[in-house]
Amino acid sequence: GRDLPNAQTFPGKGGQAQVIVTLPVLARDTVKFVGQP
């Protein structure tokens, strides 16, 4: 099993690249929101 990627990416203002942040399917070391599996 791997992390979930961003569902969609966008080019940023002035062509700046989006910072891609993944989310684990099941939390490993930290939880980031209430209800995170």
PDB file of all heavy atoms in Angstrom:
ATOM      1  N   GLY A   1       0.825  -1.208   0.000  1.00  0.00           N
ATOM      2  CA  GLY A   1       0.000   0.000   0.000  1.00  0.00           C
ATOM      3  C   GLY A   1       0.856   1.254   0.000  1.00  0.00           C
ATOM      4  O   GLY A   1       1.898   1.305   0.646  1.00  0.00           O
ATOM      5  N   ARG A   2       0.435   2.237  -0.759  1.00  0.00           N
ATOM      6  CA  ARG A   2       1.164   3.497  -0.848  1.00  0.00           C
ATOM      7  C   ARG A   2       0.274   4.652  -0.435  1.00  0.00           C
ATOM      8  O   ARG A   2      -0.938   4.508  -0.294  1.00  0.00           O
ATOM      9  CB  ARG A   2       1.666   3.708  -2.275  1.00  0.00           C
ATOM     10  CG  ARG A   2       2.675   2.645  -2.700  1.00  0.00           C
ATOM     11  CD  ARG A   2       3.145   2.848  -4.099  1.00  0.00           C
ATOM     12  NE  ARG A   2       1.997   2.648  -4.995  1.00  0.00           N
ATOM     13  CZ  ARG A   2       2.018   2.845  -6.288  1.00  0.00           C
ATOM     14  NH1 ARG A   2       3.097   3.263  -6.872  1.00  0.00           N
ATOM     15  NH2 ARG A   2       0.949   2.635  -7.029  1.00  0.00           N
ATOM     16  N   ASP A   3       0.884   5.823  -0.265  1.00  0.00           N
ATOM     17  CA  ASP A   3       0.143   7.022   0.110  1.00  0.00           C
ATOM     18  C   ASP A   3      -0.753   7.486  -1.029  1.00  0.00           C
ATOM     19  O   ASP A   3      -0.516   7.183  -2.200  1.00  0.00           O
ATOM     20  CB  ASP A   3       1.112   8.153   0.472  1.00  0.00           C
ATOM     21  CG  ASP A   3       1.843   7.906   1.772  1.00  0.00           C
ATOM     22  OD1 ASP A   3       1.532   6.918   2.459  1.00  0.00           O
ATOM     23  OD2 ASP A   3       2.722   8.712   2.102  1.00  0.00           O
ATOM     24  N   LEU A   4      -1.787   8.241  -0.655  1.00  0.00           N
ATOM     25  CA  LEU A   4      -2.686   8.831  -1.630  1.00  0.00           C
ATOM     26  C   LEU A   4      -2.084  10.145  -2.135  1.00  0.00           C
ATOM     27  O   LEU A   4      -1.743  11.009  -1.333  1.00  0.00           O
ATOM     28  CB  LEU A   4      -4.046   9.109  -0.994  1.00  0.00           C
ATOM     29  CG  LEU A   4      -4.784   7.896  -0.441  1.00  0.00           C
ATOM     30  CD1 LEU A   4      -5.992   8.342   0.375  1.00  0.00           C
ATOM     31  CD2 LEU A   4      -5.203   6.985  -1.571  1.00  0.00           C
ATOM     32  N   PRO A   5      -1.961  10.316  -3.443  1.00  0.00           N
ATOM     33  CA  PRO A   5      -1.419  11.576  -3.966  1.00  0.00           C
ATOM     34  C   PRO A   5      -2.507  12.640  -4.029  1.00  0.00           C
ATOM     35  O   PRO A   5      -3.676  12.360  -3.808  1.00  0.00           O
ATOM     36  CB  PRO A   5      -0.977  11.188  -5.378  1.00  0.00           C
ATOM     37  CG  PRO A   5      -1.938  10.104  -5.760  1.00  0.00           C
ATOM     38  CD  PRO A   5      -2.250   9.349  -4.478  1.00  0.00           C
ATOM     39  N   ASN A   6      -2.102  13.863  -4.353  1.00  0.00           N
ATOM     40  CA  ASN A   6      -3.092  14.902  -4.620  1.00  0.00           C
ATOM     41  C   ASN A   6      -3.988  14.396  -5.752  1.00  0.00           C
ATOM     42  O   ASN A   6      -3.496  13.823  -6.721  1.00  0.00           O
ATOM     43  CB  ASN A   6      -2.413  16.195  -5.090  1.00  0.00           C
ATOM     44  CG  ASN A   6      -1.690  16.916  -3.988  1.00  0.00           C
ATOM     45  OD1 ASN A   6      -0.985  16.314  -3.189  1.00  0.00           O
ATOM     46  ND2 ASN A   6      -1.834  18.217  -3.949  1.00  0.00           N
ATOM     47  N   ALA A   7      -5.267  14.621  -5.639  1.00  0.00           N
ATOM     48  CA  ALA A   7      -6.193  14.159  -6.671  1.00  0.00           C
ATOM     49  C   ALA A   7      -5.980  14.930  -7.967  1.00  0.00           C
ATOM     50  O   ALA A   7      -6.166  14.413  -9.050  1.00  0.00           O
ATOM     51  CB  ALA A   7      -7.622  14.307  -6.192  1.00  0.00           C
ATOM     52  N   GLN A   8      -5.602  16.179  -7.843  1.00  0.00           N
ATOM     53  CA  GLN A   8      -5.429  17.027  -9.012  1.00  0.00           C
ATOM     54  C   GLN A   8      -4.343  18.043  -8.699  1.00  0.00           C
ATOM     55  O   GLN A   8      -4.227  18.504  -7.569  1.00  0.00           O
ATOM     56  CB  GLN A   8      -6.754  17.738  -9.295  1.00  0.00           C
ATOM     57  CG  GLN A   8      -6.897  18.243 -10.667  1.00  0.00           C
ATOM     58  CD  GLN A   8      -8.343  18.682 -10.926  1.00  0.00           C
ATOM     59  OE1 GLN A   8      -9.126  18.880 -10.021  1.00  0.00           O
ATOM     60  NE2 GLN A   8      -8.676  18.834 -12.189  1.00  0.00           N
ATOM     61  N   THR A   9      -3.550  18.369  -9.673  1.00  0.00           N
ATOM     62  CA  THR A   9      -2.514  19.380  -9.461  1.00  0.00           C
ATOM     63  C   THR A   9      -2.775  20.558 -10.393  1.00  0.00           C
ATOM     64  O   THR A   9      -3.411  20.416 -11.436  1.00  0.00           O
ATOM     65  CB  THR A   9      -1.105  18.810  -9.711  1.00  0.00           C
ATOM     66  OG1 THR A   9      -1.034  18.319 -11.046  1.00  0.00           O
ATOM     67  CG2 THR A   9      -0.787  17.678  -8.740  1.00  0.00           C
ATOM     68  N   PHE A  10      -2.285  21.705  -9.979  1.00  0.00           N
ATOM     69  CA  PHE A  10      -2.476  22.937 -10.729  1.00  0.00           C
ATOM     70  C   PHE A  10      -1.140  23.651 -10.869  1.00  0.00           C
ATOM     71  O   PHE A  10      -0.325  23.613  -9.947  1.00  0.00           O
ATOM     72  CB  PHE A  10      -3.426  23.893  -9.985  1.00  0.00           C
ATOM     73  CG  PHE A  10      -4.799  23.351  -9.786  1.00  0.00           C
ATOM     74  CD1 PHE A  10      -5.121  22.666  -8.625  1.00  0.00           C
ATOM     75  CD2 PHE A  10      -5.782  23.531 -10.746  1.00  0.00           C
ATOM     76  CE1 PHE A  10      -6.392  22.168  -8.428  1.00  0.00           C
ATOM     77  CE2 PHE A  10      -7.057  23.041 -10.562  1.00  0.00           C
ATOM     78  CZ  PHE A  10      -7.361  22.353  -9.401  1.00  0.00           C
ATOM     79  N   PRO A  11      -0.933  24.351 -11.995  1.00  0.00           N
ATOM     80  CA  PRO A  11       0.243  25.218 -12.058  1.00  0.00           C
ATOM     81  C   PRO A  11       0.000  26.436 -11.172  1.00  0.00           C
ATOM     82  O   PRO A  11      -1.098  26.966 -11.130  1.00  0.00           O
ATOM     83  CB  PRO A  11       0.320  25.597 -13.540  1.00  0.00           C
ATOM     84  CG  PRO A  11      -1.075  25.418 -14.057  1.00  0.00           C
ATOM     85  CD  PRO A  11      -1.705  24.350 -13.211  1.00  0.00           C
ATOM     86  N   GLY A  12       1.002  26.826 -10.458  1.00  0.00           N
ATOM     87  CA  GLY A  12       0.867  27.965  -9.564  1.00  0.00           C
ATOM     88  C   GLY A  12       1.032  29.294 -10.271  1.00  0.00           C
ATOM     89  O   GLY A  12       1.362  29.374 -11.458  1.00  0.00           O
ATOM     90  N   LYS A  13       0.801  30.348  -9.510  1.00  0.00           N
ATOM     91  CA  LYS A  13       0.930  31.713 -10.005  1.00  0.00           C
ATOM     92  C   LYS A  13       2.336  31.911 -10.571  1.00  0.00           C
ATOM     93  O   LYS A  13       3.319  31.549  -9.930  1.00  0.00           O
ATOM     94  CB  LYS A  13       0.666  32.673  -8.846  1.00  0.00           C
ATOM     95  CG  LYS A  13       0.647  34.121  -9.207  1.00  0.00           C
ATOM     96  CD  LYS A  13       0.296  34.956  -7.998  1.00  0.00           C
ATOM     97  CE  LYS A  13       0.299  36.427  -8.309  1.00  0.00           C
ATOM     98  NZ  LYS A  13      -0.027  37.231  -7.134  1.00  0.00           N
ATOM     99  N   GLY A  14       2.418  32.441 -11.778  1.00  0.00           N
ATOM    100  CA  GLY A  14       3.703  32.688 -12.413  1.00  0.00           C
ATOM    101  C   GLY A  14       4.432  31.414 -12.810  1.00  0.00           C
ATOM    102  O   GLY A  14       5.641  31.413 -12.984  1.00  0.00           O
ATOM    103  N   GLY A  15       3.703  30.298 -12.915  1.00  0.00           N
ATOM    104  CA  GLY A  15       4.321  29.044 -13.323  1.00  0.00           C
ATOM    105  C   GLY A  15       4.970  28.262 -12.193  1.00  0.00           C
ATOM    106  O   GLY A  15       5.622  27.249 -12.434  1.00  0.00           O
ATOM    107  N   GLN A  16       4.800  28.743 -10.962  1.00  0.00           N
ATOM    108  CA  GLN A  16       5.403  28.050  -9.823  1.00  0.00           C
ATOM    109  C   GLN A  16       4.821  26.647  -9.699  1.00  0.00           C
ATOM    110  O   GLN A  16       3.620  26.436  -9.862  1.00  0.00           O
ATOM    111  CB  GLN A  16       5.141  28.842  -8.535  1.00  0.00           C
ATOM    112  CG  GLN A  16       5.777  28.246  -7.310  1.00  0.00           C
ATOM    113  CD  GLN A  16       5.484  29.077  -6.062  1.00  0.00           C
ATOM    114  OE1 GLN A  16       4.625  29.949  -6.078  1.00  0.00           O
ATOM    115  NE2 GLN A  16       6.200  28.807  -4.992  1.00  0.00           N
ATOM    116  N   ALA A  17       5.685  25.672  -9.419  1.00  0.00           N
ATOM    117  CA  ALA A  17       5.233  24.279  -9.273  1.00  0.00           C
ATOM    118  C   ALA A  17       4.481  24.093  -7.963  1.00  0.00           C
ATOM    119  O   ALA A  17       4.835  24.684  -6.934  1.00  0.00           O
ATOM    120  CB  ALA A  17       6.428  23.340  -9.320  1.00  0.00           C
ATOM    121  N   GLN A  18       3.451  23.272  -8.000  1.00  0.00           N
ATOM    122  CA  GLN A  18       2.691  22.952  -6.794  1.00  0.00           C
ATOM    123  C   GLN A  18       3.507  22.015  -5.911  1.00  0.00           C
ATOM    124  O   GLN A  18       4.166  21.101  -6.396  1.00  0.00           O
ATOM    125  CB  GLN A  18       1.372  22.286  -7.170  1.00  0.00           C
ATOM    126  CG  GLN A  18       0.530  21.923  -5.967  1.00  0.00           C
ATOM    127  CD  GLN A  18      -0.832  21.374  -6.342  1.00  0.00           C
ATOM    128  OE1 GLN A  18      -1.216  21.373  -7.509  1.00  0.00           O
ATOM    129  NE2 GLN A  18      -1.572  20.905  -5.354  1.00  0.00           N
ATOM    130  N   VAL A  19       3.458  22.233  -4.618  1.00  0.00           N
ATOM    131  CA  VAL A  19       4.081  21.318  -3.666  1.00  0.00           C
ATOM    132  C   VAL A  19       3.134  20.132  -3.521  1.00  0.00           C
ATOM    133  O   VAL A  19       1.977  20.296  -3.130  1.00  0.00           O
ATOM    134  CB  VAL A  19       4.305  21.992  -2.290  1.00  0.00           C
ATOM    135  CG1 VAL A  19       4.857  20.993  -1.286  1.00  0.00           C
ATOM    136  CG2 VAL A  19       5.223  23.195  -2.426  1.00  0.00           C
ATOM    137  N   ILE A  20       3.607  18.968  -3.895  1.00  0.00           N
ATOM    138  CA  ILE A  20       2.775  17.765  -3.839  1.00  0.00           C
ATOM    139  C   ILE A  20       2.901  17.151  -2.451  1.00  0.00           C
ATOM    140  O   ILE A  20       3.989  16.830  -1.995  1.00  0.00           O
ATOM    141  CB  ILE A  20       3.200  16.734  -4.907  1.00  0.00           C
ATOM    142  CG1 ILE A  20       3.151  17.365  -6.295  1.00  0.00           C
ATOM    143  CG2 ILE A  20       2.346  15.491  -4.826  1.00  0.00           C
ATOM    144  CD1 ILE A  20       1.792  17.859  -6.727  1.00  0.00           C
ATOM    145  N   VAL A  21       1.775  17.017  -1.792  1.00  0.00           N
ATOM    146  CA  VAL A  21       1.721  16.439  -0.457  1.00  0.00           C
ATOM    147  C   VAL A  21       0.868  15.179  -0.537  1.00  0.00           C
ATOM    148  O   VAL A  21      -0.235  15.209  -1.074  1.00  0.00           O
ATOM    149  CB  VAL A  21       1.102  17.429   0.559  1.00  0.00           C
ATOM    150  CG1 VAL A  21       0.977  16.801   1.921  1.00  0.00           C
ATOM    151  CG2 VAL A  21       1.932  18.699   0.622  1.00  0.00           C
ATOM    152  N   THR A  22       1.413  14.087  -0.030  1.00  0.00           N
ATOM    153  CA  THR A  22       0.653  12.841  -0.038  1.00  0.00           C
ATOM    154  C   THR A  22       0.042  12.610   1.342  1.00  0.00           C
ATOM    155  O   THR A  22       0.453  13.217   2.330  1.00  0.00           O
ATOM    156  CB  THR A  22       1.550  11.649  -0.410  1.00  0.00           C
ATOM    157  OG1 THR A  22       2.602  11.547   0.540  1.00  0.00           O
ATOM    158  CG2 THR A  22       2.118  11.815  -1.811  1.00  0.00           C
ATOM    159  N   LEU A  23      -0.936  11.729   1.394  1.00  0.00           N
ATOM    160  CA  LEU A  23      -1.619  11.406   2.633  1.00  0.00           C
ATOM    161  C   LEU A  23      -1.653   9.891   2.770  1.00  0.00           C
ATOM    162  O   LEU A  23      -2.075   9.200   1.843  1.00  0.00           O
ATOM    163  CB  LEU A  23      -3.044  11.963   2.599  1.00  0.00           C
ATOM    164  CG  LEU A  23      -3.859  11.834   3.868  1.00  0.00           C
ATOM    165  CD1 LEU A  23      -3.274  12.711   4.975  1.00  0.00           C
ATOM    166  CD2 LEU A  23      -5.296  12.223   3.617  1.00  0.00           C
ATOM    167  N   PRO A  24      -1.203   9.365   3.901  1.00  0.00           N
ATOM    168  CA  PRO A  24      -1.256   7.912   4.049  1.00  0.00           C
ATOM    169  C   PRO A  24      -2.697   7.417   4.141  1.00  0.00           C
ATOM    170  O   PRO A  24      -3.564   8.097   4.699  1.00  0.00           O
ATOM    171  CB  PRO A  24      -0.500   7.654   5.357  1.00  0.00           C
ATOM    172  CG  PRO A  24      -0.565   8.935   6.107  1.00  0.00           C
ATOM    173  CD  PRO A  24      -0.653  10.030   5.081  1.00  0.00           C
ATOM    174  N   VAL A  25      -2.958   6.253   3.591  1.00  0.00           N
ATOM    175  CA  VAL A  25      -4.291   5.647   3.675  1.00  0.00           C
ATOM    176  C   VAL A  25      -4.623   5.414   5.148  1.00  0.00           C
ATOM    177  O   VAL A  25      -5.724   5.704   5.599  1.00  0.00           O
ATOM    178  CB  VAL A  25      -4.346   4.331   2.868  1.00  0.00           C
ATOM    179  CG1 VAL A  25      -5.667   3.614   3.080  1.00  0.00           C
ATOM    180  CG2 VAL A  25      -4.095   4.606   1.395  1.00  0.00           C
ATOM    181  N   LEU A  26      -3.651   4.889   5.904  1.00  0.00           N
ATOM    182  CA  LEU A  26      -3.768   4.707   7.350  1.00  0.00           C
ATOM    183  C   LEU A  26      -2.617   5.465   7.993  1.00  0.00           C
ATOM    184  O   LEU A  26      -1.456   5.282   7.609  1.00  0.00           O
ATOM    185  CB  LEU A  26      -3.709   3.216   7.719  1.00  0.00           C
ATOM    186  CG  LEU A  26      -4.842   2.350   7.157  1.00  0.00           C
ATOM    187  CD1 LEU A  26      -4.588   0.871   7.441  1.00  0.00           C
ATOM    188  CD2 LEU A  26      -6.187   2.778   7.731  1.00  0.00           C
ATOM    189  N   ALA A  27      -2.914   6.329   8.956  1.00  0.00           N
ATOM    190  CA  ALA A  27      -1.912   7.192   9.577  1.00  0.00           C
ATOM    191  C   ALA A  27      -0.767   6.360  10.161  1.00  0.00           C
ATOM    192  O   ALA A  27      -0.981   5.291  10.725  1.00  0.00           O
ATOM    193  CB  ALA A  27      -2.553   8.034  10.673  1.00  0.00           C
ATOM    194  N   ARG A  28       0.452   6.902  10.007  1.00  0.00           N
ATOM    195  CA  ARG A  28       1.633   6.208  10.517  1.00  0.00           C
ATOM    196  C   ARG A  28       2.128   6.825  11.820  1.00  0.00           C
ATOM    197  O   ARG A  28       2.009   6.230  12.869  1.00  0.00           O
ATOM    198  CB  ARG A  28       2.744   6.231   9.470  1.00  0.00           C
ATOM    199  CG  ARG A  28       2.517   5.287   8.330  1.00  0.00           C
ATOM    200  CD  ARG A  28       3.731   5.242   7.413  1.00  0.00           C
ATOM    201  NE  ARG A  28       3.916   6.483   6.677  1.00  0.00           N
ATOM    202  CZ  ARG A  28       3.334   6.741   5.512  1.00  0.00           C
ATOM    203  NH1 ARG A  28       2.547   5.852   4.954  1.00  0.00           N
ATOM    204  NH2 ARG A  28       3.544   7.881   4.904  1.00  0.00           N
ATOM    205  N   ASP A  29       2.721   7.974  11.732  1.00  0.00           N
ATOM    206  CA  ASP A  29       3.353   8.593  12.905  1.00  0.00           C
ATOM    207  C   ASP A  29       2.533   9.730  13.500  1.00  0.00           C
ATOM    208  O   ASP A  29       2.614   9.996  14.683  1.00  0.00           O
ATOM    209  CB  ASP A  29       4.746   9.115  12.525  1.00  0.00           C
ATOM    210  CG  ASP A  29       5.627   8.013  11.978  1.00  0.00           C
ATOM    211  OD1 ASP A  29       5.639   6.927  12.583  1.00  0.00           O
ATOM    212  OD2 ASP A  29       6.292   8.231  10.954  1.00  0.00           O
ATOM    213  N   THR A  30       1.786  10.408  12.633  1.00  0.00           N
ATOM    214  CA  THR A  30       0.975  11.531  13.093  1.00  0.00           C
ATOM    215  C   THR A  30      -0.392  11.474  12.427  1.00  0.00           C
ATOM    216  O   THR A  30      -0.566  10.829  11.391  1.00  0.00           O
ATOM    217  CB  THR A  30       1.616  12.899  12.745  1.00  0.00           C
ATOM    218  OG1 THR A  30       1.752  12.996  11.332  1.00  0.00           O
ATOM    219  CG2 THR A  30       2.952  13.089  13.422  1.00  0.00           C
ATOM    220  N   VAL A  31      -1.335  12.167  13.048  1.00  0.00           N
ATOM    221  CA  VAL A  31      -2.647  12.375  12.426  1.00  0.00           C
ATOM    222  C   VAL A  31      -2.754  13.861  12.127  1.00  0.00           C
ATOM    223  O   VAL A  31      -2.257  14.696  12.886  1.00  0.00           O
ATOM    224  CB  VAL A  31      -3.802  11.879  13.319  1.00  0.00           C
ATOM    225  CG1 VAL A  31      -3.782  10.365  13.421  1.00  0.00           C
ATOM    226  CG2 VAL A  31      -3.781  12.513  14.684  1.00  0.00           C
ATOM    227  N   LYS A  32      -3.388  14.164  11.012  1.00  0.00           N
ATOM    228  CA  LYS A  32      -3.464  15.548  10.528  1.00  0.00           C
ATOM    229  C   LYS A  32      -4.858  16.151  10.628  1.00  0.00           C
ATOM    230  O   LYS A  32      -5.027  17.329  10.404  1.00  0.00           O
ATOM    231  CB  LYS A  32      -3.018  15.620   9.067  1.00  0.00           C
ATOM    232  CG  LYS A  32      -1.668  15.018   8.779  1.00  0.00           C
ATOM    233  CD  LYS A  32      -0.557  15.855   9.344  1.00  0.00           C
ATOM    234  CE  LYS A  32       0.796  15.322   8.894  1.00  0.00           C
ATOM    235  NZ  LYS A  32       1.892  16.055   9.466  1.00  0.00           N
ATOM    236  N   PHE A  33      -5.879  15.314  10.914  1.00  0.00           N
ATOM    237  CA  PHE A  33      -7.243  15.837  11.014  1.00  0.00           C
ATOM    238  C   PHE A  33      -8.102  14.870  11.822  1.00  0.00           C
ATOM    239  O   PHE A  33      -7.819  13.676  11.899  1.00  0.00           O
ATOM    240  CB  PHE A  33      -7.853  16.095   9.634  1.00  0.00           C
ATOM    241  CG  PHE A  33      -7.884  14.891   8.724  1.00  0.00           C
ATOM    242  CD1 PHE A  33      -8.989  14.037   8.704  1.00  0.00           C
ATOM    243  CD2 PHE A  33      -6.823  14.620   7.871  1.00  0.00           C
ATOM    244  CE1 PHE A  33      -9.031  12.945   7.853  1.00  0.00           C
ATOM    245  CE2 PHE A  33      -6.851  13.530   7.018  1.00  0.00           C
ATOM    246  CZ  PHE A  33      -7.958  12.689   7.008  1.00  0.00           C
ATOM    247  N   VAL A  34      -9.152  15.412  12.411  1.00  0.00           N
ATOM    248  CA  VAL A  34     -10.110  14.585  13.135  1.00  0.00           C
ATOM    249  C   VAL A  34     -10.762  13.632  12.140  1.00  0.00           C
ATOM    250  O   VAL A  34     -11.197  14.049  11.069  1.00  0.00           O
ATOM    251  CB  VAL A  34     -11.190  15.452  13.830  1.00  0.00           C
ATOM    252  CG1 VAL A  34     -12.301  14.579  14.398  1.00  0.00           C
ATOM    253  CG2 VAL A  34     -10.579  16.315  14.919  1.00  0.00           C
ATOM    254  N   GLY A  35     -10.803  12.369  12.483  1.00  0.00           N
ATOM    255  CA  GLY A  35     -11.406  11.375  11.613  1.00  0.00           C
ATOM    256  C   GLY A  35     -10.430  10.700  10.674  1.00  0.00           C
ATOM    257  O   GLY A  35     -10.819   9.805   9.915  1.00  0.00           O
ATOM    258  N   GLN A  36      -9.146  11.072  10.716  1.00  0.00           N
ATOM    259  CA  GLN A  36      -8.180  10.423   9.836  1.00  0.00           C
ATOM    260  C   GLN A  36      -8.102   8.932  10.182  1.00  0.00           C
ATOM    261  O   GLN A  36      -7.966   8.553  11.337  1.00  0.00           O
ATOM    262  CB  GLN A  36      -6.799  11.064   9.957  1.00  0.00           C
ATOM    263  CG  GLN A  36      -5.793  10.460   8.998  1.00  0.00           C
ATOM    264  CD  GLN A  36      -4.459  11.189   8.977  1.00  0.00           C
ATOM    265  OE1 GLN A  36      -4.263  12.196   9.647  1.00  0.00           O
ATOM    266  NE2 GLN A  36      -3.529  10.679   8.190  1.00  0.00           N
ATOM    267  N   PRO A  37      -8.175   8.048   9.194  1.00  0.00           N
ATOM    268  CA  PRO A  37      -8.111   6.615   9.453  1.00  0.00           C
ATOM    269  C   PRO A  37      -6.748   6.195  10.019  1.00  0.00           C
ATOM    270  O   PRO A  37      -5.701   6.617   9.516  1.00  0.00           O
ATOM    271  CB  PRO A  37      -8.331   5.987   8.081  1.00  0.00           C
ATOM    272  CG  PRO A  37      -9.034   7.037   7.285  1.00  0.00           C
ATOM    273  CD  PRO A  37      -8.481   8.342   7.795  1.00  0.00           C
TER     274      PRO A  37
END
